[in-house]
Amino acid sequence: MEFTAEQQAHIDQILADTKAKWIKDELEPIQAQVEQYKPKEKSDTEKALEQKEQELWNKEKSLILKEHNLHEFADFFNANDTEQLNKDIEKLNKVLDAKKLNSSYIPDSHKQTDAYTQAEKNKDTIGMIDTKLSKIFK
């Protein structure tokens, strides 16, 4: 269906009027309501203050980690306050202590040597008899 230039102009005018009315009656009130919930822009002073607070916290975190000899693990701590950082340090120390115990040398063929075995090894028959008799007379 084709329209004449006059009809197309009339349709375009109706669409423009309807769109303007919709913007005024529907869109603008919604935008006004949403605008009040929009976060406020921070001033340069507020941004600078936040940056200084972050730098101070990073220095404090670094000192606490050095105090606990964990400064190599600084990248793994994402705490935002001292209390949380101390909890995280405690958790890591427990894990590291468990790893130390598990990785220490545990001989699997080590046997306790008693006096009899020692005497037998040295071919000391008197010592062997002495240990056997000492067990009987105890």
C-alpha atoms as a PDB file:
ATOM      1  CA  MET A   1       0.000   0.000   0.000  1.00  0.00           C
ATOM      2  CA  GLU A   2       1.442   3.267  -1.062  1.00  0.00           C
ATOM      3  CA  PHE A   3       0.603   6.645   0.350  1.00  0.00           C
ATOM      4  CA  THR A   4       0.687   9.987  -1.266  1.00  0.00           C
ATOM      5  CA  ALA A   5       3.192  12.494   0.005  1.00  0.00           C
ATOM      6  CA  GLU A   6       0.416  14.342   1.860  1.00  0.00           C
ATOM      7  CA  GLN A   7      -0.830  11.134   3.519  1.00  0.00           C
ATOM      8  CA  GLN A   8       2.743  10.067   4.499  1.00  0.00           C
ATOM      9  CA  ALA A   9       3.348  13.500   6.019  1.00  0.00           C
ATOM     10  CA  HIS A  10       0.121  13.213   7.999  1.00  0.00           C
ATOM     11  CA  ILE A  11       1.096   9.675   9.257  1.00  0.00           C
ATOM     12  CA  ASP A  12       4.575  10.911  10.191  1.00  0.00           C
ATOM     13  CA  GLN A  13       3.017  13.841  12.087  1.00  0.00           C
ATOM     14  CA  ILE A  14       0.665  11.505  14.013  1.00  0.00           C
ATOM     15  CA  LEU A  15       3.582   9.199  14.894  1.00  0.00           C
ATOM     16  CA  ALA A  16       5.725  12.136  16.059  1.00  0.00           C
ATOM     17  CA  ASP A  17       2.869  13.557  18.172  1.00  0.00           C
ATOM     18  CA  THR A  18       2.142  10.123  19.706  1.00  0.00           C
ATOM     19  CA  LYS A  19       5.835   9.567  20.443  1.00  0.00           C
ATOM     20  CA  ALA A  20       6.162  13.020  22.046  1.00  0.00           C
ATOM     21  CA  LYS A  21       3.041  12.390  24.168  1.00  0.00           C
ATOM     22  CA  TRP A  22       4.397   8.954  25.242  1.00  0.00           C
ATOM     23  CA  ILE A  23       7.767  10.454  26.170  1.00  0.00           C
ATOM     24  CA  LYS A  24       6.101  13.183  28.212  1.00  0.00           C
ATOM     25  CA  ASP A  25       3.470  11.010  29.933  1.00  0.00           C
ATOM     26  CA  GLU A  26       5.288   7.661  30.346  1.00  0.00           C
ATOM     27  CA  LEU A  27       9.041   7.836  29.840  1.00  0.00           C
ATOM     28  CA  GLU A  28       9.941  11.033  31.712  1.00  0.00           C
ATOM     29  CA  PRO A  29       8.214  10.035  35.001  1.00  0.00           C
ATOM     30  CA  ILE A  30       9.949   6.641  34.923  1.00  0.00           C
ATOM     31  CA  GLN A  31      13.311   8.290  34.236  1.00  0.00           C
ATOM     32  CA  ALA A  32      12.721  10.689  37.137  1.00  0.00           C
ATOM     33  CA  GLN A  33      12.019   7.767  39.494  1.00  0.00           C
ATOM     34  CA  VAL A  34      15.073   5.849  38.319  1.00  0.00           C
ATOM     35  CA  GLU A  35      17.269   8.950  38.597  1.00  0.00           C
ATOM     36  CA  GLN A  36      16.791   9.108  42.368  1.00  0.00           C
ATOM     37  CA  TYR A  37      18.337   5.628  42.736  1.00  0.00           C
ATOM     38  CA  LYS A  38      21.306   6.385  40.533  1.00  0.00           C
ATOM     39  CA  PRO A  39      24.540   6.506  42.538  1.00  0.00           C
ATOM     40  CA  LYS A  40      25.936   9.970  42.987  1.00  0.00           C
ATOM     41  CA  GLU A  41      29.132  10.906  41.248  1.00  0.00           C
ATOM     42  CA  LYS A  42      32.031  11.054  43.656  1.00  0.00           C
ATOM     43  CA  SER A  43      33.995  14.236  43.911  1.00  0.00           C
ATOM     44  CA  ASP A  44      37.740  14.309  43.292  1.00  0.00           C
ATOM     45  CA  THR A  45      38.280  14.726  47.038  1.00  0.00           C
ATOM     46  CA  GLU A  46      36.235  11.604  47.800  1.00  0.00           C
ATOM     47  CA  LYS A  47      38.094   9.637  45.138  1.00  0.00           C
ATOM     48  CA  ALA A  48      41.460  10.767  46.525  1.00  0.00           C
ATOM     49  CA  LEU A  49      40.382   9.867  50.065  1.00  0.00           C
ATOM     50  CA  GLU A  50      39.309   6.380  48.988  1.00  0.00           C
ATOM     51  CA  GLN A  51      42.621   5.890  47.200  1.00  0.00           C
ATOM     52  CA  LYS A  52      44.572   6.946  50.315  1.00  0.00           C
ATOM     53  CA  GLU A  53      42.481   4.592  52.475  1.00  0.00           C
ATOM     54  CA  GLN A  54      43.240   1.730  50.090  1.00  0.00           C
ATOM     55  CA  GLU A  55      46.976   2.526  50.130  1.00  0.00           C
ATOM     56  CA  LEU A  56      46.940   2.651  53.935  1.00  0.00           C
ATOM     57  CA  TRP A  57      45.136  -0.701  54.146  1.00  0.00           C
ATOM     58  CA  ASN A  58      47.611  -2.279  51.716  1.00  0.00           C
ATOM     59  CA  LYS A  59      50.521  -1.083  53.863  1.00  0.00           C
ATOM     60  CA  GLU A  60      48.865  -2.328  57.051  1.00  0.00           C
ATOM     61  CA  LYS A  61      48.122  -5.696  55.409  1.00  0.00           C
ATOM     62  CA  SER A  62      51.719  -5.943  54.253  1.00  0.00           C
ATOM     63  CA  LEU A  63      53.045  -5.261  57.759  1.00  0.00           C
ATOM     64  CA  ILE A  64      50.729  -7.818  59.346  1.00  0.00           C
ATOM     65  CA  LEU A  65      51.756 -10.462  56.815  1.00  0.00           C
ATOM     66  CA  LYS A  66      55.455  -9.712  57.368  1.00  0.00           C
ATOM     67  CA  GLU A  67      54.874 -10.028  61.109  1.00  0.00           C
ATOM     68  CA  HIS A  68      53.534 -13.551  60.529  1.00  0.00           C
ATOM     69  CA  ASN A  69      56.233 -14.385  57.917  1.00  0.00           C
ATOM     70  CA  LEU A  70      53.602 -14.721  55.189  1.00  0.00           C
ATOM     71  CA  HIS A  71      54.538 -11.740  53.012  1.00  0.00           C
ATOM     72  CA  GLU A  72      55.190 -14.083  50.060  1.00  0.00           C
ATOM     73  CA  PHE A  73      51.474 -14.956  50.104  1.00  0.00           C
ATOM     74  CA  ALA A  74      50.231 -11.335  50.065  1.00  0.00           C
ATOM     75  CA  ASP A  75      48.530 -11.749  46.674  1.00  0.00           C
ATOM     76  CA  PHE A  76      46.353 -14.558  48.036  1.00  0.00           C
ATOM     77  CA  PHE A  77      44.809 -12.484  50.840  1.00  0.00           C
ATOM     78  CA  ASN A  78      41.741 -10.479  49.795  1.00  0.00           C
ATOM     79  CA  ALA A  79      40.545  -9.403  53.234  1.00  0.00           C
ATOM     80  CA  ASN A  80      39.154  -5.900  53.667  1.00  0.00           C
ATOM     81  CA  ASP A  81      39.744  -5.564  57.398  1.00  0.00           C
ATOM     82  CA  THR A  82      42.167  -6.710  60.072  1.00  0.00           C
ATOM     83  CA  GLU A  83      39.766  -9.195  61.637  1.00  0.00           C
ATOM     84  CA  GLN A  84      39.200 -11.072  58.377  1.00  0.00           C
ATOM     85  CA  LEU A  85      42.914 -10.953  57.579  1.00  0.00           C
ATOM     86  CA  ASN A  86      43.778 -12.549  60.934  1.00  0.00           C
ATOM     87  CA  LYS A  87      41.230 -15.322  60.313  1.00  0.00           C
ATOM     88  CA  ASP A  88      42.724 -15.969  56.877  1.00  0.00           C
ATOM     89  CA  ILE A  89      46.254 -16.025  58.332  1.00  0.00           C
ATOM     90  CA  GLU A  90      45.167 -18.546  60.960  1.00  0.00           C
ATOM     91  CA  LYS A  91      43.622 -20.796  58.286  1.00  0.00           C
ATOM     92  CA  LEU A  92      46.746 -20.652  56.129  1.00  0.00           C
ATOM     93  CA  ASN A  93      49.015 -21.394  59.091  1.00  0.00           C
ATOM     94  CA  LYS A  94      46.952 -24.495  59.935  1.00  0.00           C
ATOM     95  CA  VAL A  95      47.276 -25.726  56.368  1.00  0.00           C
ATOM     96  CA  LEU A  96      51.015 -25.034  56.282  1.00  0.00           C
ATOM     97  CA  ASP A  97      51.557 -26.798  59.630  1.00  0.00           C
ATOM     98  CA  ALA A  98      49.662 -29.832  58.384  1.00  0.00           C
ATOM     99  CA  LYS A  99      51.794 -29.865  55.229  1.00  0.00           C
ATOM    100  CA  LYS A 100      54.983 -29.686  57.325  1.00  0.00           C
ATOM    101  CA  LEU A 101      53.922 -32.710  59.366  1.00  0.00           C
ATOM    102  CA  ASN A 102      52.910 -34.700  56.298  1.00  0.00           C
ATOM    103  CA  SER A 103      56.089 -33.948  54.393  1.00  0.00           C
ATOM    104  CA  SER A 104      58.554 -34.650  57.206  1.00  0.00           C
ATOM    105  CA  TYR A 105      60.701 -37.794  57.003  1.00  0.00           C
ATOM    106  CA  ILE A 106      58.993 -40.881  58.385  1.00  0.00           C
ATOM    107  CA  PRO A 107      61.198 -43.979  58.177  1.00  0.00           C
ATOM    108  CA  ASP A 108      59.231 -47.073  57.263  1.00  0.00           C
ATOM    109  CA  SER A 109      61.878 -49.705  58.029  1.00  0.00           C
ATOM    110  CA  HIS A 110      63.184 -48.216  61.273  1.00  0.00           C
ATOM    111  CA  LYS A 111      63.009 -50.632  64.191  1.00  0.00           C
ATOM    112  CA  GLN A 112      63.641 -49.944  67.845  1.00  0.00           C
ATOM    113  CA  THR A 113      66.905 -51.505  68.961  1.00  0.00           C
ATOM    114  CA  ASP A 114      66.883 -52.968  72.435  1.00  0.00           C
ATOM    115  CA  ALA A 115      69.852 -53.949  74.585  1.00  0.00           C
ATOM    116  CA  TYR A 116      69.716 -57.607  73.496  1.00  0.00           C
ATOM    117  CA  THR A 117      69.792 -56.696  69.770  1.00  0.00           C
ATOM    118  CA  GLN A 118      72.655 -54.286  70.382  1.00  0.00           C
ATOM    119  CA  ALA A 119      74.648 -56.951  72.246  1.00  0.00           C
ATOM    120  CA  GLU A 120      73.881 -59.499  69.532  1.00  0.00           C
ATOM    121  CA  LYS A 121      75.104 -57.089  66.886  1.00  0.00           C
ATOM    122  CA  ASN A 122      78.381 -56.569  68.780  1.00  0.00           C
ATOM    123  CA  LYS A 123      78.711 -60.358  69.353  1.00  0.00           C
ATOM    124  CA  ASP A 124      78.682 -59.749  73.093  1.00  0.00           C
ATOM    125  CA  THR A 125      77.334 -63.014  74.531  1.00  0.00           C
ATOM    126  CA  ILE A 126      77.694 -61.846  78.135  1.00  0.00           C
ATOM    127  CA  GLY A 127      75.642 -58.750  77.352  1.00  0.00           C
ATOM    128  CA  MET A 128      73.007 -60.919  75.659  1.00  0.00           C
ATOM    129  CA  ILE A 129      72.749 -63.218  78.684  1.00  0.00           C
ATOM    130  CA  ASP A 130      72.726 -60.216  81.024  1.00  0.00           C
ATOM    131  CA  THR A 131      69.746 -58.621  79.253  1.00  0.00           C
ATOM    132  CA  LYS A 132      67.797 -61.900  79.209  1.00  0.00           C
ATOM    133  CA  LEU A 133      68.454 -62.442  82.934  1.00  0.00           C
ATOM    134  CA  SER A 134      67.583 -58.827  83.791  1.00  0.00           C
ATOM    135  CA  LYS A 135      64.157 -59.320  82.205  1.00  0.00           C
ATOM    136  CA  ILE A 136      63.542 -62.417  84.296  1.00  0.00           C
ATOM    137  CA  PHE A 137      64.544 -60.849  87.638  1.00  0.00           C
ATOM    138  CA  LYS A 138      62.647 -57.582  87.230  1.00  0.00           C
END
